[in-house]
Amino acid sequence: MPSNQSPLGALPARFRRTRMLIVGCGDVGLRVARALPRRVRVLALTSSADRVPELRARGIVPLPGNLDEPASLRRLAGLAGHVVHLAPPAAEAQEEWWRDRRTQALLRALRLRGAPLTLVYASTSGVYGDCGGARVDESRPVAPRTPRAQRRVDAERQVRVFARGAGTRASVLRIPGIYAPDRPGGTPRERLLKGTPVLAAQDDVFTNHIHADDLARAVLAAVWRGRPQRVYNASDDSELKMGDYFDLAADLYGLARPPRVARSTAQEQLPLMLLSFMGESRRLANRRLKEELRLVLRHPTVASGLRA
């Protein structure tokens, strides 16, 4: 392809409107689209016909397709110079339980014609596993402890391999718990109303957070300013243990603080999914986010974000 042409077709890049494809355009994807300047045309992959009117109403071009049906993704090839991949791996176990087949299918489609200039992949901080409460930067080796975290590690590897081969500038964001008062299920209020216990102070774990609006801004900072094949911890400045986080939220909402239970008895009172989060403790360092992506957090702490 001549150097003065874009991956979007035959016209020189200077004559074409910038296009961004969002894969997994849920709450965070919609925030990303909302934060973009009008000169950027936004396209979104959707497997649900019910979402088409909503996407169109927000000025987003819906593209029918399903990450679990690779043949439906061929239309994505060469459509956009920038791709934001926010879709999670499949939750169910497969023969190769550790492989993220959704990312594999997407990258194969993007490879067909004119690879994107940039690609941002939304991973999870769960790839680090349990760090015993240590402060963790992006140089720490991954040590996933759950199948879903292992599939994220595989997706990260696929993205880096694809980017190196295609000449794409890829960024991986490792994301902790996402919250926002206007996000569905985005605050601890419901759990507090249920009276779900948290761990006793001596057994508690550090947890990490990012406001959904700051995450959307981090995604766009990575699109425009991310270094090639670079990993970023997309976390705020909070250093809270999980129980302290729920105590803080309870005080802000004027609700009762949750009961505390010892880890030895937690298995009898808490669901397995919640227990898995309570088995990992780490404090994410976000220096790269601030210095390399030059992101100034609007909600640097969960206290600020929950009050907003």
C-alpha atoms as a PDB file:
ATOM      1  CA  MET A   1       0.000   0.000   0.000  1.00  0.00           C
ATOM      2  CA  PRO A   2       1.441   3.425  -0.909  1.00  0.00           C
ATOM      3  CA  SER A   3       2.583   5.385   2.122  1.00  0.00           C
ATOM      4  CA  ASN A   4       0.169   8.262   1.440  1.00  0.00           C
ATOM      5  CA  GLN A   5      -2.898   6.041   1.659  1.00  0.00           C
ATOM      6  CA  SER A   6      -4.860   5.055   4.747  1.00  0.00           C
ATOM      7  CA  PRO A   7      -5.903   1.483   5.603  1.00  0.00           C
ATOM      8  CA  LEU A   8      -9.510   2.508   4.938  1.00  0.00           C
ATOM      9  CA  GLY A   9      -9.502   2.460   1.175  1.00  0.00           C
ATOM     10  CA  ALA A  10      -8.082   4.094  -1.935  1.00  0.00           C
ATOM     11  CA  LEU A  11      -8.374   7.762  -0.936  1.00  0.00           C
ATOM     12  CA  PRO A  12      -5.347   9.470   0.624  1.00  0.00           C
ATOM     13  CA  ALA A  13      -5.641   9.669   4.418  1.00  0.00           C
ATOM     14  CA  ARG A  14      -5.863  13.486   4.434  1.00  0.00           C
ATOM     15  CA  PHE A  15      -9.183  13.296   2.553  1.00  0.00           C
ATOM     16  CA  ARG A  16     -10.798  10.791   4.860  1.00  0.00           C
ATOM     17  CA  ARG A  17     -12.577  11.324   8.147  1.00  0.00           C
ATOM     18  CA  THR A  18     -10.871   9.641  11.105  1.00  0.00           C
ATOM     19  CA  ARG A  19     -12.688   6.448  12.050  1.00  0.00           C
ATOM     20  CA  MET A  20     -12.669   4.549  15.322  1.00  0.00           C
ATOM     21  CA  LEU A  21     -14.102   1.070  15.761  1.00  0.00           C
ATOM     22  CA  ILE A  22     -15.274   0.116  19.268  1.00  0.00           C
ATOM     23  CA  VAL A  23     -15.604  -3.602  19.933  1.00  0.00           C
ATOM     24  CA  GLY A  24     -17.580  -4.221  23.103  1.00  0.00           C
ATOM     25  CA  CYS A  25     -19.468  -0.919  23.150  1.00  0.00           C
ATOM     26  CA  GLY A  26     -21.098  -1.169  26.560  1.00  0.00           C
ATOM     27  CA  ASP A  27     -21.033   1.490  29.257  1.00  0.00           C
ATOM     28  CA  VAL A  28     -17.312   2.305  28.910  1.00  0.00           C
ATOM     29  CA  GLY A  29     -17.479   2.172  25.118  1.00  0.00           C
ATOM     30  CA  LEU A  30     -20.318   4.690  25.097  1.00  0.00           C
ATOM     31  CA  ARG A  31     -18.270   6.978  27.351  1.00  0.00           C
ATOM     32  CA  VAL A  32     -15.332   6.675  24.958  1.00  0.00           C
ATOM     33  CA  ALA A  33     -17.577   7.627  22.033  1.00  0.00           C
ATOM     34  CA  ARG A  34     -19.044  10.554  23.960  1.00  0.00           C
ATOM     35  CA  ALA A  35     -15.584  11.929  24.749  1.00  0.00           C
ATOM     36  CA  LEU A  36     -14.438  11.922  21.118  1.00  0.00           C
ATOM     37  CA  PRO A  37     -14.378  15.080  19.010  1.00  0.00           C
ATOM     38  CA  ARG A  38     -17.038  15.346  16.301  1.00  0.00           C
ATOM     39  CA  ARG A  39     -14.468  14.936  13.563  1.00  0.00           C
ATOM     40  CA  VAL A  40     -14.060  11.267  14.538  1.00  0.00           C
ATOM     41  CA  ARG A  41     -16.603   8.883  13.054  1.00  0.00           C
ATOM     42  CA  VAL A  42     -17.404   6.115  15.539  1.00  0.00           C
ATOM     43  CA  LEU A  43     -18.376   2.587  14.519  1.00  0.00           C
ATOM     44  CA  ALA A  44     -19.382  -0.126  16.978  1.00  0.00           C
ATOM     45  CA  LEU A  45     -19.674  -3.876  16.603  1.00  0.00           C
ATOM     46  CA  THR A  46     -22.929  -5.197  18.053  1.00  0.00           C
ATOM     47  CA  SER A  47     -24.434  -8.673  18.200  1.00  0.00           C
ATOM     48  CA  SER A  48     -27.825  -7.346  19.351  1.00  0.00           C
ATOM     49  CA  ALA A  49     -30.350  -5.850  16.949  1.00  0.00           C
ATOM     50  CA  ASP A  50     -32.029  -4.223  19.958  1.00  0.00           C
ATOM     51  CA  ARG A  51     -28.996  -1.959  20.450  1.00  0.00           C
ATOM     52  CA  VAL A  52     -28.968  -0.579  16.913  1.00  0.00           C
ATOM     53  CA  PRO A  53     -31.425   2.302  17.595  1.00  0.00           C
ATOM     54  CA  GLU A  54     -29.540   3.308  20.767  1.00  0.00           C
ATOM     55  CA  LEU A  55     -26.194   3.386  18.985  1.00  0.00           C
ATOM     56  CA  ARG A  56     -27.574   5.388  16.081  1.00  0.00           C
ATOM     57  CA  ALA A  57     -29.192   7.855  18.467  1.00  0.00           C
ATOM     58  CA  ARG A  58     -25.746   8.484  19.953  1.00  0.00           C
ATOM     59  CA  GLY A  59     -24.219   9.136  16.546  1.00  0.00           C
ATOM     60  CA  ILE A  60     -22.517   5.726  16.386  1.00  0.00           C
ATOM     61  CA  VAL A  61     -22.632   3.560  13.262  1.00  0.00           C
ATOM     62  CA  PRO A  62     -23.731   0.032  14.314  1.00  0.00           C
ATOM     63  CA  LEU A  63     -22.033  -2.915  12.604  1.00  0.00           C
ATOM     64  CA  PRO A  64     -23.817  -6.278  13.035  1.00  0.00           C
ATOM     65  CA  GLY A  65     -21.414  -9.023  14.042  1.00  0.00           C
ATOM     66  CA  ASN A  66     -20.566 -11.485  16.774  1.00  0.00           C
ATOM     67  CA  LEU A  67     -17.137 -12.268  18.198  1.00  0.00           C
ATOM     68  CA  ASP A  68     -18.269 -15.861  18.640  1.00  0.00           C
ATOM     69  CA  GLU A  69     -19.037 -16.100  14.905  1.00  0.00           C
ATOM     70  CA  PRO A  70     -15.779 -15.300  13.094  1.00  0.00           C
ATOM     71  CA  ALA A  71     -17.370 -15.207   9.628  1.00  0.00           C
ATOM     72  CA  SER A  72     -19.494 -12.240  10.710  1.00  0.00           C
ATOM     73  CA  LEU A  73     -16.380 -10.162  11.437  1.00  0.00           C
ATOM     74  CA  ARG A  74     -14.935 -10.027   7.929  1.00  0.00           C
ATOM     75  CA  ARG A  75     -16.695  -6.713   7.285  1.00  0.00           C
ATOM     76  CA  LEU A  76     -14.468  -5.081   9.932  1.00  0.00           C
ATOM     77  CA  ALA A  77     -11.332  -5.398   7.793  1.00  0.00           C
ATOM     78  CA  GLY A  78      -9.956  -2.012   6.841  1.00  0.00           C
ATOM     79  CA  LEU A  79     -12.897  -0.031   8.207  1.00  0.00           C
ATOM     80  CA  ALA A  80     -11.118   2.023  10.857  1.00  0.00           C
ATOM     81  CA  GLY A  81      -7.677   3.386  11.543  1.00  0.00           C
ATOM     82  CA  HIS A  82      -8.173   3.077  15.308  1.00  0.00           C
ATOM     83  CA  VAL A  83      -9.652   0.087  17.145  1.00  0.00           C
ATOM     84  CA  VAL A  84     -10.682  -0.077  20.794  1.00  0.00           C
ATOM     85  CA  HIS A  85     -11.217  -3.656  21.992  1.00  0.00           C
ATOM     86  CA  LEU A  86     -13.283  -3.655  25.204  1.00  0.00           C
ATOM     87  CA  ALA A  87     -14.981  -7.051  24.845  1.00  0.00           C
ATOM     88  CA  PRO A  88     -14.220  -9.690  27.494  1.00  0.00           C
ATOM     89  CA  PRO A  89     -13.256 -13.264  26.675  1.00  0.00           C
ATOM     90  CA  ALA A  90     -15.966 -15.895  26.715  1.00  0.00           C
ATOM     91  CA  ALA A  91     -16.950 -16.829  30.267  1.00  0.00           C
ATOM     92  CA  GLU A  92     -17.597 -20.502  29.610  1.00  0.00           C
ATOM     93  CA  ALA A  93     -14.891 -23.153  29.538  1.00  0.00           C
ATOM     94  CA  GLN A  94     -13.741 -24.473  26.155  1.00  0.00           C
ATOM     95  CA  GLU A  95     -11.432 -27.228  25.012  1.00  0.00           C
ATOM     96  CA  GLU A  96      -8.532 -24.769  25.148  1.00  0.00           C
ATOM     97  CA  TRP A  97      -9.871 -23.046  28.257  1.00  0.00           C
ATOM     98  CA  TRP A  98      -6.931 -20.649  28.464  1.00  0.00           C
ATOM     99  CA  ARG A  99      -7.327 -19.189  24.942  1.00  0.00           C
ATOM    100  CA  ASP A 100      -9.316 -16.043  24.174  1.00  0.00           C
ATOM    101  CA  ARG A 101     -10.968 -17.102  20.928  1.00  0.00           C
ATOM    102  CA  ARG A 102     -12.886 -13.821  20.653  1.00  0.00           C
ATOM    103  CA  THR A 103      -9.711 -11.770  20.426  1.00  0.00           C
ATOM    104  CA  GLN A 104      -8.286 -14.341  18.051  1.00  0.00           C
ATOM    105  CA  ALA A 105     -11.292 -13.984  15.738  1.00  0.00           C
ATOM    106  CA  LEU A 106     -11.192 -10.186  15.856  1.00  0.00           C
ATOM    107  CA  LEU A 107      -7.490  -9.963  15.043  1.00  0.00           C
ATOM    108  CA  ARG A 108      -7.835 -12.402  12.161  1.00  0.00           C
ATOM    109  CA  ALA A 109     -10.543 -10.188  10.682  1.00  0.00           C
ATOM    110  CA  LEU A 110      -8.508  -6.998  11.163  1.00  0.00           C
ATOM    111  CA  ARG A 111      -5.539  -8.676   9.485  1.00  0.00           C
ATOM    112  CA  LEU A 112      -7.436  -9.283   6.232  1.00  0.00           C
ATOM    113  CA  ARG A 113      -6.992  -5.795   4.757  1.00  0.00           C
ATOM    114  CA  GLY A 114      -5.201  -2.705   5.991  1.00  0.00           C
ATOM    115  CA  ALA A 115      -4.390  -3.303   9.680  1.00  0.00           C
ATOM    116  CA  PRO A 116      -5.350  -0.396  11.979  1.00  0.00           C
ATOM    117  CA  LEU A 117      -2.859   2.270  12.916  1.00  0.00           C
ATOM    118  CA  THR A 118      -3.607   1.859  16.631  1.00  0.00           C
ATOM    119  CA  LEU A 119      -5.235  -0.795  18.788  1.00  0.00           C
ATOM    120  CA  VAL A 120      -6.137  -0.489  22.474  1.00  0.00           C
ATOM    121  CA  TYR A 121      -7.019  -3.642  24.403  1.00  0.00           C
ATOM    122  CA  ALA A 122      -8.824  -3.516  27.748  1.00  0.00           C
ATOM    123  CA  SER A 123      -7.363  -6.245  29.956  1.00  0.00           C
ATOM    124  CA  THR A 124      -7.660  -6.748  33.710  1.00  0.00           C
ATOM    125  CA  SER A 125      -5.386  -6.234  36.688  1.00  0.00           C
ATOM    126  CA  GLY A 126      -6.312  -9.804  37.603  1.00  0.00           C
ATOM    127  CA  VAL A 127      -3.470 -10.981  35.345  1.00  0.00           C
ATOM    128  CA  TYR A 128      -1.070 -10.179  38.211  1.00  0.00           C
ATOM    129  CA  GLY A 129      -2.726 -12.671  40.552  1.00  0.00           C
ATOM    130  CA  ASP A 130      -2.222 -12.342  44.304  1.00  0.00           C
ATOM    131  CA  CYS A 131       0.666 -10.009  45.141  1.00  0.00           C
ATOM    132  CA  GLY A 132       0.302 -10.071  48.909  1.00  0.00           C
ATOM    133  CA  GLY A 133      -0.592  -6.382  49.059  1.00  0.00           C
ATOM    134  CA  ALA A 134       2.588  -5.287  47.265  1.00  0.00           C
ATOM    135  CA  ARG A 135       2.698  -2.232  45.026  1.00  0.00           C
ATOM    136  CA  VAL A 136       2.630  -3.486  41.437  1.00  0.00           C
ATOM    137  CA  ASP A 137       3.905  -1.768  38.316  1.00  0.00           C
ATOM    138  CA  GLU A 138       3.675  -2.990  34.729  1.00  0.00           C
ATOM    139  CA  SER A 139       7.064  -4.739  34.837  1.00  0.00           C
ATOM    140  CA  ARG A 140       5.795  -7.353  37.295  1.00  0.00           C
ATOM    141  CA  PRO A 141       5.417 -10.791  35.668  1.00  0.00           C
ATOM    142  CA  VAL A 142       1.849 -11.970  35.226  1.00  0.00           C
ATOM    143  CA  ALA A 143       0.644 -14.797  37.461  1.00  0.00           C
ATOM    144  CA  PRO A 144      -3.071 -15.369  36.723  1.00  0.00           C
ATOM    145  CA  ARG A 145      -4.899 -17.540  39.234  1.00  0.00           C
ATOM    146  CA  THR A 146      -8.265 -17.894  37.494  1.00  0.00           C
ATOM    147  CA  PRO A 147      -9.297 -19.140  34.043  1.00  0.00           C
ATOM    148  CA  ARG A 148     -10.748 -15.748  33.107  1.00  0.00           C
ATOM    149  CA  ALA A 149      -7.459 -14.016  34.014  1.00  0.00           C
ATOM    150  CA  GLN A 150      -5.514 -16.624  32.043  1.00  0.00           C
ATOM    151  CA  ARG A 151      -7.626 -15.865  28.968  1.00  0.00           C
ATOM    152  CA  ARG A 152      -6.809 -12.186  29.416  1.00  0.00           C
ATOM    153  CA  VAL A 153      -3.096 -13.022  29.449  1.00  0.00           C
ATOM    154  CA  ASP A 154      -3.585 -14.926  26.207  1.00  0.00           C
ATOM    155  CA  ALA A 155      -5.441 -11.970  24.682  1.00  0.00           C
ATOM    156  CA  GLU A 156      -2.637  -9.596  25.658  1.00  0.00           C
ATOM    157  CA  ARG A 157      -0.109 -11.904  23.982  1.00  0.00           C
ATOM    158  CA  GLN A 158      -2.210 -12.105  20.825  1.00  0.00           C
ATOM    159  CA  VAL A 159      -2.530  -8.320  20.639  1.00  0.00           C
ATOM    160  CA  ARG A 160       1.219  -7.784  20.974  1.00  0.00           C
ATOM    161  CA  VAL A 161       2.058 -10.430  18.356  1.00  0.00           C
ATOM    162  CA  PHE A 162      -0.513  -8.991  15.958  1.00  0.00           C
ATOM    163  CA  ALA A 163       0.756  -5.447  16.440  1.00  0.00           C
ATOM    164  CA  ARG A 164       4.394  -6.328  15.870  1.00  0.00           C
ATOM    165  CA  GLY A 165       3.566  -8.191  12.664  1.00  0.00           C
ATOM    166  CA  ALA A 166       1.127  -5.611  11.294  1.00  0.00           C
ATOM    167  CA  GLY A 167       2.987  -2.443  12.230  1.00  0.00           C
ATOM    168  CA  THR A 168       0.138  -1.412  14.524  1.00  0.00           C
ATOM    169  CA  ARG A 169       0.786   0.641  17.660  1.00  0.00           C
ATOM    170  CA  ALA A 170      -0.944  -1.354  20.398  1.00  0.00           C
ATOM    171  CA  SER A 171      -1.602  -0.485  24.035  1.00  0.00           C
ATOM    172  CA  VAL A 172      -2.845  -2.802  26.772  1.00  0.00           C
ATOM    173  CA  LEU A 173      -4.728  -1.296  29.717  1.00  0.00           C
ATOM    174  CA  ARG A 174      -4.845  -3.440  32.853  1.00  0.00           C
ATOM    175  CA  ILE A 175      -8.040  -2.363  34.537  1.00  0.00           C
ATOM    176  CA  PRO A 176      -9.206  -2.899  38.147  1.00  0.00           C
ATOM    177  CA  GLY A 177     -12.755  -2.416  39.482  1.00  0.00           C
ATOM    178  CA  ILE A 178     -14.747   0.095  37.422  1.00  0.00           C
ATOM    179  CA  TYR A 179     -17.265   2.290  39.214  1.00  0.00           C
ATOM    180  CA  ALA A 180     -19.433   5.360  38.596  1.00  0.00           C
ATOM    181  CA  PRO A 181     -22.671   6.581  40.153  1.00  0.00           C
ATOM    182  CA  ASP A 182     -24.321   6.644  36.695  1.00  0.00           C
ATOM    183  CA  ARG A 183     -23.033   3.204  35.677  1.00  0.00           C
ATOM    184  CA  PRO A 184     -25.374   0.185  35.976  1.00  0.00           C
ATOM    185  CA  GLY A 185     -24.281  -1.592  39.158  1.00  0.00           C
ATOM    186  CA  GLY A 186     -21.458   0.906  39.361  1.00  0.00           C
ATOM    187  CA  THR A 187     -21.548   1.643  43.084  1.00  0.00           C
ATOM    188  CA  PRO A 188     -21.532  -0.503  46.260  1.00  0.00           C
ATOM    189  CA  ARG A 189     -25.027   0.697  47.215  1.00  0.00           C
ATOM    190  CA  GLU A 190     -26.877  -2.484  46.238  1.00  0.00           C
ATOM    191  CA  ARG A 191     -24.422  -4.703  48.043  1.00  0.00           C
ATOM    192  CA  LEU A 192     -24.586  -2.510  51.122  1.00  0.00           C
ATOM    193  CA  LEU A 193     -28.372  -2.704  51.133  1.00  0.00           C
ATOM    194  CA  LYS A 194     -28.106  -6.502  51.052  1.00  0.00           C
ATOM    195  CA  GLY A 195     -25.760  -6.475  54.030  1.00  0.00           C
ATOM    196  CA  THR A 196     -23.151  -8.638  52.269  1.00  0.00           C
ATOM    197  CA  PRO A 197     -20.215  -9.175  54.643  1.00  0.00           C
ATOM    198  CA  VAL A 198     -16.617  -8.135  54.007  1.00  0.00           C
ATOM    199  CA  LEU A 199     -13.449  -9.602  55.459  1.00  0.00           C
ATOM    200  CA  ALA A 200     -12.243  -8.740  58.921  1.00  0.00           C
ATOM    201  CA  ALA A 201      -9.461  -6.161  58.988  1.00  0.00           C
ATOM    202  CA  GLN A 202      -6.720  -8.699  59.686  1.00  0.00           C
ATOM    203  CA  ASP A 203      -7.780 -10.799  56.663  1.00  0.00           C
ATOM    204  CA  ASP A 204      -8.666  -7.976  54.278  1.00  0.00           C
ATOM    205  CA  VAL A 205      -7.107  -7.360  50.858  1.00  0.00           C
ATOM    206  CA  PHE A 206      -6.131  -4.240  48.940  1.00  0.00           C
ATOM    207  CA  THR A 207      -8.438  -3.438  46.053  1.00  0.00           C
ATOM    208  CA  ASN A 208      -8.048  -1.016  43.152  1.00  0.00           C
ATOM    209  CA  HIS A 209     -10.496   1.212  41.309  1.00  0.00           C
ATOM    210  CA  ILE A 210     -11.006   3.516  38.344  1.00  0.00           C
ATOM    211  CA  HIS A 211     -13.932   5.827  37.632  1.00  0.00           C
ATOM    212  CA  ALA A 212     -15.622   4.905  34.336  1.00  0.00           C
ATOM    213  CA  ASP A 213     -15.148   8.412  32.922  1.00  0.00           C
ATOM    214  CA  ASP A 214     -11.436   8.371  33.760  1.00  0.00           C
ATOM    215  CA  LEU A 215     -11.148   4.935  32.168  1.00  0.00           C
ATOM    216  CA  ALA A 216     -12.727   6.238  28.955  1.00  0.00           C
ATOM    217  CA  ARG A 217     -10.221   9.097  28.966  1.00  0.00           C
ATOM    218  CA  ALA A 218      -7.386   6.623  29.584  1.00  0.00           C
ATOM    219  CA  VAL A 219      -8.509   4.597  26.564  1.00  0.00           C
ATOM    220  CA  LEU A 220      -8.379   7.673  24.342  1.00  0.00           C
ATOM    221  CA  ALA A 221      -5.034   8.769  25.794  1.00  0.00           C
ATOM    222  CA  ALA A 222      -3.679   5.347  24.829  1.00  0.00           C
ATOM    223  CA  VAL A 223      -5.126   5.702  21.319  1.00  0.00           C
ATOM    224  CA  TRP A 224      -3.429   9.037  20.724  1.00  0.00           C
ATOM    225  CA  ARG A 225      -0.316   8.832  22.917  1.00  0.00           C
ATOM    226  CA  GLY A 226       0.346   5.193  23.844  1.00  0.00           C
ATOM    227  CA  ARG A 227       3.804   3.822  23.146  1.00  0.00           C
ATOM    228  CA  PRO A 228       4.061   0.793  20.841  1.00  0.00           C
ATOM    229  CA  GLN A 229       3.160  -2.498  22.546  1.00  0.00           C
ATOM    230  CA  ARG A 230       3.048  -0.839  25.962  1.00  0.00           C
ATOM    231  CA  VAL A 231       1.144  -1.948  29.064  1.00  0.00           C
ATOM    232  CA  TYR A 232      -0.530   0.584  31.387  1.00  0.00           C
ATOM    233  CA  ASN A 233      -2.150   0.125  34.789  1.00  0.00           C
ATOM    234  CA  ALA A 234      -5.401   2.071  34.427  1.00  0.00           C
ATOM    235  CA  SER A 235      -6.013   2.726  38.121  1.00  0.00           C
ATOM    236  CA  ASP A 236      -6.650   5.737  40.329  1.00  0.00           C
ATOM    237  CA  ASP A 237      -4.566   6.839  43.332  1.00  0.00           C
ATOM    238  CA  SER A 238      -6.641   5.121  46.034  1.00  0.00           C
ATOM    239  CA  GLU A 239      -4.937   2.677  48.388  1.00  0.00           C
ATOM    240  CA  LEU A 240      -7.858   1.089  50.160  1.00  0.00           C
ATOM    241  CA  LYS A 241      -8.590  -2.321  51.489  1.00  0.00           C
ATOM    242  CA  MET A 242     -11.878  -3.764  50.325  1.00  0.00           C
ATOM    243  CA  GLY A 243     -13.643  -3.422  53.645  1.00  0.00           C
ATOM    244  CA  ASP A 244     -12.521   0.191  53.988  1.00  0.00           C
ATOM    245  CA  TYR A 245     -13.917   0.908  50.529  1.00  0.00           C
ATOM    246  CA  PHE A 246     -17.341  -0.381  51.539  1.00  0.00           C
ATOM    247  CA  ASP A 247     -17.170   1.468  54.865  1.00  0.00           C
ATOM    248  CA  LEU A 248     -16.402   4.686  52.989  1.00  0.00           C
ATOM    249  CA  ALA A 249     -19.322   4.135  50.614  1.00  0.00           C
ATOM    250  CA  ALA A 250     -21.678   3.306  53.477  1.00  0.00           C
ATOM    251  CA  ASP A 251     -20.768   6.521  55.270  1.00  0.00           C
ATOM    252  CA  LEU A 252     -21.283   8.568  52.099  1.00  0.00           C
ATOM    253  CA  TYR A 253     -24.703   6.997  51.478  1.00  0.00           C
ATOM    254  CA  GLY A 254     -25.790   7.112  55.109  1.00  0.00           C
ATOM    255  CA  LEU A 255     -26.099   3.312  55.221  1.00  0.00           C
ATOM    256  CA  ALA A 256     -24.951   0.759  57.763  1.00  0.00           C
ATOM    257  CA  ARG A 257     -21.398  -0.436  57.371  1.00  0.00           C
ATOM    258  CA  PRO A 258     -21.186  -4.079  56.242  1.00  0.00           C
ATOM    259  CA  PRO A 259     -20.499  -6.806  58.810  1.00  0.00           C
ATOM    260  CA  ARG A 260     -16.966  -8.175  59.018  1.00  0.00           C
ATOM    261  CA  VAL A 261     -16.223 -11.897  58.920  1.00  0.00           C
ATOM    262  CA  ALA A 262     -13.053 -13.915  59.281  1.00  0.00           C
ATOM    263  CA  ARG A 263     -11.666 -15.527  56.129  1.00  0.00           C
ATOM    264  CA  SER A 264     -12.066 -18.918  57.771  1.00  0.00           C
ATOM    265  CA  THR A 265     -15.855 -18.498  57.824  1.00  0.00           C
ATOM    266  CA  ALA A 266     -16.275 -16.417  54.654  1.00  0.00           C
ATOM    267  CA  GLN A 267     -16.777 -19.479  52.441  1.00  0.00           C
ATOM    268  CA  GLU A 268     -20.011 -20.223  54.263  1.00  0.00           C
ATOM    269  CA  GLN A 269     -21.436 -16.736  53.690  1.00  0.00           C
ATOM    270  CA  LEU A 270     -20.085 -15.394  50.395  1.00  0.00           C
ATOM    271  CA  PRO A 271     -20.462 -16.496  46.746  1.00  0.00           C
ATOM    272  CA  LEU A 272     -17.476 -18.106  45.017  1.00  0.00           C
ATOM    273  CA  MET A 273     -16.997 -15.233  42.562  1.00  0.00           C
ATOM    274  CA  LEU A 274     -16.735 -12.723  45.385  1.00  0.00           C
ATOM    275  CA  LEU A 275     -14.399 -14.995  47.310  1.00  0.00           C
ATOM    276  CA  SER A 276     -12.067 -15.144  44.309  1.00  0.00           C
ATOM    277  CA  PHE A 277     -11.662 -11.349  44.403  1.00  0.00           C
ATOM    278  CA  MET A 278     -11.029 -11.512  48.130  1.00  0.00           C
ATOM    279  CA  GLY A 279      -8.163 -13.931  47.529  1.00  0.00           C
ATOM    280  CA  GLU A 280      -5.992 -11.382  45.692  1.00  0.00           C
ATOM    281  CA  SER A 281      -4.352  -8.290  47.157  1.00  0.00           C
ATOM    282  CA  ARG A 282      -2.289  -5.691  45.293  1.00  0.00           C
ATOM    283  CA  ARG A 283      -1.783  -1.932  44.973  1.00  0.00           C
ATOM    284  CA  LEU A 284      -1.478  -0.797  41.362  1.00  0.00           C
ATOM    285  CA  ALA A 285       1.133   1.829  40.498  1.00  0.00           C
ATOM    286  CA  ASN A 286      -0.105   4.260  37.846  1.00  0.00           C
ATOM    287  CA  ARG A 287       3.027   6.270  37.028  1.00  0.00           C
ATOM    288  CA  ARG A 288       2.964   5.307  33.334  1.00  0.00           C
ATOM    289  CA  LEU A 289      -0.671   6.337  33.067  1.00  0.00           C
ATOM    290  CA  LYS A 290       0.159   9.809  34.335  1.00  0.00           C
ATOM    291  CA  GLU A 291       3.601  10.411  32.851  1.00  0.00           C
ATOM    292  CA  GLU A 292       3.478   8.635  29.484  1.00  0.00           C
ATOM    293  CA  LEU A 293      -0.217   9.065  28.650  1.00  0.00           C
ATOM    294  CA  ARG A 294      -0.298  12.426  30.461  1.00  0.00           C
ATOM    295  CA  LEU A 295      -3.667  11.624  31.992  1.00  0.00           C
ATOM    296  CA  VAL A 296      -4.851  13.888  34.795  1.00  0.00           C
ATOM    297  CA  LEU A 297      -7.451  11.946  36.767  1.00  0.00           C
ATOM    298  CA  ARG A 298     -10.695  13.796  37.336  1.00  0.00           C
ATOM    299  CA  HIS A 299     -11.484  11.380  40.162  1.00  0.00           C
ATOM    300  CA  PRO A 300      -8.134  10.458  41.715  1.00  0.00           C
ATOM    301  CA  THR A 301      -9.802   8.706  44.663  1.00  0.00           C
ATOM    302  CA  VAL A 302     -12.977   6.700  45.100  1.00  0.00           C
ATOM    303  CA  ALA A 303     -14.148   9.240  47.687  1.00  0.00           C
ATOM    304  CA  SER A 304     -14.091  11.900  44.985  1.00  0.00           C
ATOM    305  CA  GLY A 305     -15.724   9.663  42.408  1.00  0.00           C
ATOM    306  CA  LEU A 306     -18.539   8.412  44.641  1.00  0.00           C
ATOM    307  CA  ARG A 307     -19.363  11.944  45.774  1.00  0.00           C
ATOM    308  CA  ALA A 308     -19.624  13.031  42.149  1.00  0.00           C
END
